[in-house]
Amino acid sequence: MLTVDFDRLGVRPGCRAIDIGAGAGRHSFELYRRGADVVAFDRSADDMKAVADMFVAMELEGQVPKEPLPAPRWATHSRFRMPMRPSTSS
């Protein structure tokens, strides 16, 4: 079940999206199916492996737009850290 109205968001080929807390990837799959450049992110390495496998299967089955798209990306981390930048103000 999708909990986002992707038609309302205007997702189309070339859009960029990050799915933080992607889990099993249901929203990532729909974004990718619509042609978005998707980054799926979750703590579970097993879920991210399954999402990566599904992205490949979607490509093989012709479920993503034919135009050249960047390869989907996924990341697995046990912690999320915000990088700190040194202040440039005096």
N, C-alpha and C. Protein backbone atom coordinates (compact mmCIF):
# COMPACT_ATOMS: atom_id res chain seq x y z
N MET A 1 0.83 -1.17 0.00
CA MET A 1 0.00 0.00 0.00
C MET A 1 0.89 1.25 0.00
N LEU A 2 0.64 2.14 -0.94
CA LEU A 2 1.37 3.41 -0.99
C LEU A 2 0.66 4.43 -0.12
N THR A 3 1.43 5.18 0.64
CA THR A 3 0.85 6.21 1.51
C THR A 3 1.15 7.61 1.00
N VAL A 4 1.64 7.70 -0.22
CA VAL A 4 1.98 8.97 -0.85
C VAL A 4 1.25 9.04 -2.19
N ASP A 5 0.71 10.21 -2.51
CA ASP A 5 0.05 10.41 -3.80
C ASP A 5 1.11 10.93 -4.78
N PHE A 6 1.74 10.01 -5.49
CA PHE A 6 2.84 10.37 -6.38
C PHE A 6 2.36 11.22 -7.56
N ASP A 7 1.11 11.07 -7.97
CA ASP A 7 0.58 11.92 -9.04
C ASP A 7 0.58 13.39 -8.60
N ARG A 8 0.22 13.63 -7.36
CA ARG A 8 0.20 15.00 -6.83
C ARG A 8 1.59 15.60 -6.74
N LEU A 9 2.58 14.77 -6.51
CA LEU A 9 3.95 15.25 -6.37
C LEU A 9 4.61 15.54 -7.71
N GLY A 10 4.03 15.06 -8.79
CA GLY A 10 4.59 15.32 -10.11
C GLY A 10 5.89 14.58 -10.37
N VAL A 11 6.03 13.40 -9.81
CA VAL A 11 7.25 12.61 -10.02
C VAL A 11 7.31 12.18 -11.48
N ARG A 12 8.45 12.45 -12.12
CA ARG A 12 8.62 12.13 -13.54
C ARG A 12 10.09 11.80 -13.78
N PRO A 13 10.43 11.28 -14.94
CA PRO A 13 11.83 10.97 -15.23
C PRO A 13 12.72 12.20 -14.99
N GLY A 14 13.84 11.92 -14.33
CA GLY A 14 14.79 12.98 -14.04
C GLY A 14 14.67 13.59 -12.66
N CYS A 15 13.53 13.39 -11.99
CA CYS A 15 13.39 13.89 -10.62
C CYS A 15 14.35 13.13 -9.72
N ARG A 16 14.76 13.77 -8.65
CA ARG A 16 15.61 13.11 -7.66
C ARG A 16 14.81 12.91 -6.39
N ALA A 17 15.02 11.75 -5.76
CA ALA A 17 14.29 11.45 -4.53
C ALA A 17 15.17 10.63 -3.59
N ILE A 18 14.99 10.86 -2.30
CA ILE A 18 15.65 10.04 -1.29
C ILE A 18 14.55 9.45 -0.41
N ASP A 19 14.62 8.16 -0.21
CA ASP A 19 13.65 7.45 0.63
C ASP A 19 14.39 7.04 1.90
N ILE A 20 14.28 7.87 2.94
CA ILE A 20 14.96 7.61 4.21
C ILE A 20 14.05 6.72 5.05
N GLY A 21 14.60 5.63 5.53
CA GLY A 21 13.78 4.64 6.23
C GLY A 21 13.00 3.83 5.21
N ALA A 22 13.68 3.46 4.12
CA ALA A 22 13.01 2.81 2.98
C ALA A 22 12.41 1.45 3.31
N GLY A 23 12.95 0.77 4.31
CA GLY A 23 12.41 -0.55 4.64
C GLY A 23 12.45 -1.46 3.44
N ALA A 24 11.30 -2.06 3.14
CA ALA A 24 11.20 -2.99 2.02
C ALA A 24 11.14 -2.28 0.67
N GLY A 25 11.04 -0.95 0.66
CA GLY A 25 11.18 -0.19 -0.57
C GLY A 25 9.93 0.15 -1.36
N ARG A 26 8.75 0.03 -0.77
CA ARG A 26 7.53 0.24 -1.58
C ARG A 26 7.48 1.62 -2.22
N HIS A 27 7.91 2.66 -1.51
CA HIS A 27 7.91 4.00 -2.10
C HIS A 27 9.07 4.16 -3.09
N SER A 28 10.21 3.57 -2.78
CA SER A 28 11.36 3.62 -3.69
C SER A 28 10.99 2.99 -5.03
N PHE A 29 10.29 1.86 -4.99
CA PHE A 29 9.91 1.17 -6.23
C PHE A 29 9.01 2.06 -7.09
N GLU A 30 8.04 2.71 -6.46
CA GLU A 30 7.12 3.56 -7.23
C GLU A 30 7.86 4.77 -7.81
N LEU A 31 8.74 5.36 -7.03
CA LEU A 31 9.54 6.48 -7.53
C LEU A 31 10.38 6.05 -8.73
N TYR A 32 11.03 4.89 -8.61
CA TYR A 32 11.88 4.39 -9.69
C TYR A 32 11.04 4.02 -10.92
N ARG A 33 9.88 3.43 -10.69
CA ARG A 33 8.98 3.07 -11.79
C ARG A 33 8.58 4.31 -12.59
N ARG A 34 8.48 5.44 -11.91
CA ARG A 34 8.11 6.69 -12.57
C ARG A 34 9.31 7.41 -13.18
N GLY A 35 10.52 6.84 -13.02
CA GLY A 35 11.70 7.40 -13.66
C GLY A 35 12.57 8.29 -12.79
N ALA A 36 12.28 8.35 -11.50
CA ALA A 36 13.08 9.19 -10.61
C ALA A 36 14.45 8.57 -10.35
N ASP A 37 15.42 9.42 -10.07
CA ASP A 37 16.74 9.01 -9.61
C ASP A 37 16.58 8.81 -8.10
N VAL A 38 16.59 7.56 -7.66
CA VAL A 38 16.23 7.22 -6.29
C VAL A 38 17.44 6.82 -5.45
N VAL A 39 17.49 7.36 -4.24
CA VAL A 39 18.43 6.90 -3.22
C VAL A 39 17.57 6.30 -2.12
N ALA A 40 17.70 4.99 -1.90
CA ALA A 40 16.99 4.31 -0.81
C ALA A 40 17.96 4.16 0.35
N PHE A 41 17.51 4.48 1.56
CA PHE A 41 18.37 4.46 2.74
C PHE A 41 17.63 3.79 3.88
N ASP A 42 18.29 2.82 4.51
CA ASP A 42 17.69 2.13 5.66
C ASP A 42 18.79 1.50 6.49
N ARG A 43 18.49 1.25 7.74
CA ARG A 43 19.46 0.59 8.64
C ARG A 43 19.63 -0.88 8.32
N SER A 44 18.63 -1.49 7.73
CA SER A 44 18.65 -2.93 7.49
C SER A 44 19.37 -3.29 6.20
N ALA A 45 20.50 -3.95 6.34
CA ALA A 45 21.25 -4.40 5.16
C ALA A 45 20.44 -5.41 4.35
N ASP A 46 19.69 -6.25 5.03
CA ASP A 46 18.86 -7.24 4.33
C ASP A 46 17.80 -6.56 3.48
N ASP A 47 17.13 -5.54 4.03
CA ASP A 47 16.13 -4.81 3.26
C ASP A 47 16.76 -4.12 2.06
N MET A 48 17.93 -3.52 2.25
CA MET A 48 18.57 -2.80 1.15
C MET A 48 19.03 -3.75 0.05
N LYS A 49 19.43 -4.95 0.41
CA LYS A 49 19.79 -5.97 -0.60
C LYS A 49 18.55 -6.34 -1.41
N ALA A 50 17.43 -6.52 -0.71
CA ALA A 50 16.17 -6.86 -1.40
C ALA A 50 15.72 -5.72 -2.32
N VAL A 51 15.87 -4.48 -1.87
CA VAL A 51 15.51 -3.32 -2.70
C VAL A 51 16.41 -3.27 -3.94
N ALA A 52 17.70 -3.47 -3.77
CA ALA A 52 18.62 -3.46 -4.91
C ALA A 52 18.25 -4.55 -5.91
N ASP A 53 17.94 -5.73 -5.42
CA ASP A 53 17.54 -6.83 -6.30
C ASP A 53 16.25 -6.50 -7.05
N MET A 54 15.31 -5.85 -6.36
CA MET A 54 14.04 -5.50 -7.01
C MET A 54 14.25 -4.43 -8.07
N PHE A 55 15.14 -3.45 -7.82
CA PHE A 55 15.44 -2.45 -8.85
C PHE A 55 15.94 -3.14 -10.12
N VAL A 56 16.82 -4.10 -9.98
CA VAL A 56 17.35 -4.82 -11.14
C VAL A 56 16.22 -5.57 -11.85
N ALA A 57 15.39 -6.25 -11.08
CA ALA A 57 14.26 -7.00 -11.66
C ALA A 57 13.30 -6.06 -12.40
N MET A 58 13.08 -4.89 -11.84
CA MET A 58 12.20 -3.91 -12.49
C MET A 58 12.77 -3.48 -13.84
N GLU A 59 14.07 -3.27 -13.89
CA GLU A 59 14.71 -2.91 -15.16
C GLU A 59 14.56 -4.03 -16.17
N LEU A 60 14.83 -5.26 -15.74
CA LEU A 60 14.76 -6.41 -16.64
C LEU A 60 13.35 -6.63 -17.18
N GLU A 61 12.34 -6.31 -16.38
CA GLU A 61 10.95 -6.50 -16.77
C GLU A 61 10.37 -5.29 -17.51
N GLY A 62 11.19 -4.27 -17.74
CA GLY A 62 10.72 -3.09 -18.47
C GLY A 62 9.78 -2.21 -17.67
N GLN A 63 9.90 -2.22 -16.35
CA GLN A 63 8.99 -1.44 -15.51
C GLN A 63 9.49 -0.04 -15.20
N VAL A 64 10.62 0.35 -15.78
CA VAL A 64 11.14 1.71 -15.61
C VAL A 64 11.26 2.35 -16.99
N PRO A 65 11.20 3.68 -17.06
CA PRO A 65 11.30 4.33 -18.38
C PRO A 65 12.56 3.92 -19.12
N LYS A 66 12.45 3.87 -20.43
CA LYS A 66 13.56 3.43 -21.27
C LYS A 66 14.67 4.46 -21.39
N GLU A 67 14.36 5.75 -21.20
CA GLU A 67 15.40 6.76 -21.35
C GLU A 67 16.51 6.51 -20.34
N PRO A 68 17.71 6.94 -20.66
CA PRO A 68 18.83 6.69 -19.75
C PRO A 68 18.60 7.32 -18.39
N LEU A 69 18.71 6.50 -17.37
CA LEU A 69 18.55 6.96 -16.00
C LEU A 69 19.82 6.63 -15.23
N PRO A 70 20.14 7.43 -14.24
CA PRO A 70 21.26 7.04 -13.38
C PRO A 70 20.91 5.75 -12.67
N ALA A 71 21.89 4.95 -12.36
CA ALA A 71 21.64 3.71 -11.62
C ALA A 71 21.08 4.05 -10.25
N PRO A 72 20.09 3.29 -9.77
CA PRO A 72 19.57 3.54 -8.43
C PRO A 72 20.65 3.28 -7.39
N ARG A 73 20.55 3.99 -6.29
CA ARG A 73 21.54 3.84 -5.24
C ARG A 73 20.85 3.44 -3.94
N TRP A 74 21.57 2.78 -3.10
CA TRP A 74 21.05 2.40 -1.80
C TRP A 74 22.19 2.50 -0.81
N ALA A 75 21.84 2.73 0.43
CA ALA A 75 22.87 2.88 1.46
C ALA A 75 22.38 2.20 2.73
N THR A 76 23.30 1.62 3.44
CA THR A 76 22.98 0.99 4.71
C THR A 76 23.91 1.54 5.77
N HIS A 77 23.33 2.02 6.82
CA HIS A 77 24.12 2.57 7.91
C HIS A 77 23.47 2.19 9.23
N SER A 78 24.29 1.93 10.24
CA SER A 78 23.75 1.63 11.56
C SER A 78 23.41 2.92 12.30
N ARG A 79 24.00 4.03 11.88
CA ARG A 79 23.72 5.33 12.48
C ARG A 79 23.66 6.38 11.39
N PHE A 80 22.87 7.39 11.64
CA PHE A 80 22.83 8.51 10.73
C PHE A 80 23.55 9.67 11.40
N ARG A 81 24.51 10.25 10.71
CA ARG A 81 25.23 11.38 11.25
C ARG A 81 25.15 12.55 10.30
N MET A 82 24.91 13.70 10.84
CA MET A 82 24.90 14.92 10.05
C MET A 82 26.32 15.47 10.05
N PRO A 83 26.90 15.67 8.88
CA PRO A 83 28.27 16.21 8.87
C PRO A 83 28.28 17.63 9.43
N MET A 84 29.29 17.93 10.17
CA MET A 84 29.42 19.27 10.75
C MET A 84 30.42 20.05 9.91
N ARG A 85 30.07 21.25 9.55
CA ARG A 85 30.98 22.11 8.79
C ARG A 85 31.50 23.21 9.71
N PRO A 86 32.77 23.52 9.59
CA PRO A 86 33.26 24.63 10.40
C PRO A 86 32.59 25.93 9.98
N SER A 87 32.34 26.76 10.94
CA SER A 87 31.71 28.05 10.67
C SER A 87 32.67 28.94 9.91
N THR A 88 32.14 29.64 8.90
CA THR A 88 32.99 30.55 8.12
C THR A 88 32.79 31.99 8.56
N SER A 89 31.84 32.21 9.48
CA SER A 89 31.62 33.58 9.95
C SER A 89 32.59 33.92 11.07
N SER A 90 32.88 35.19 11.24
CA SER A 90 33.82 35.62 12.29
C SER A 90 33.08 36.06 13.53
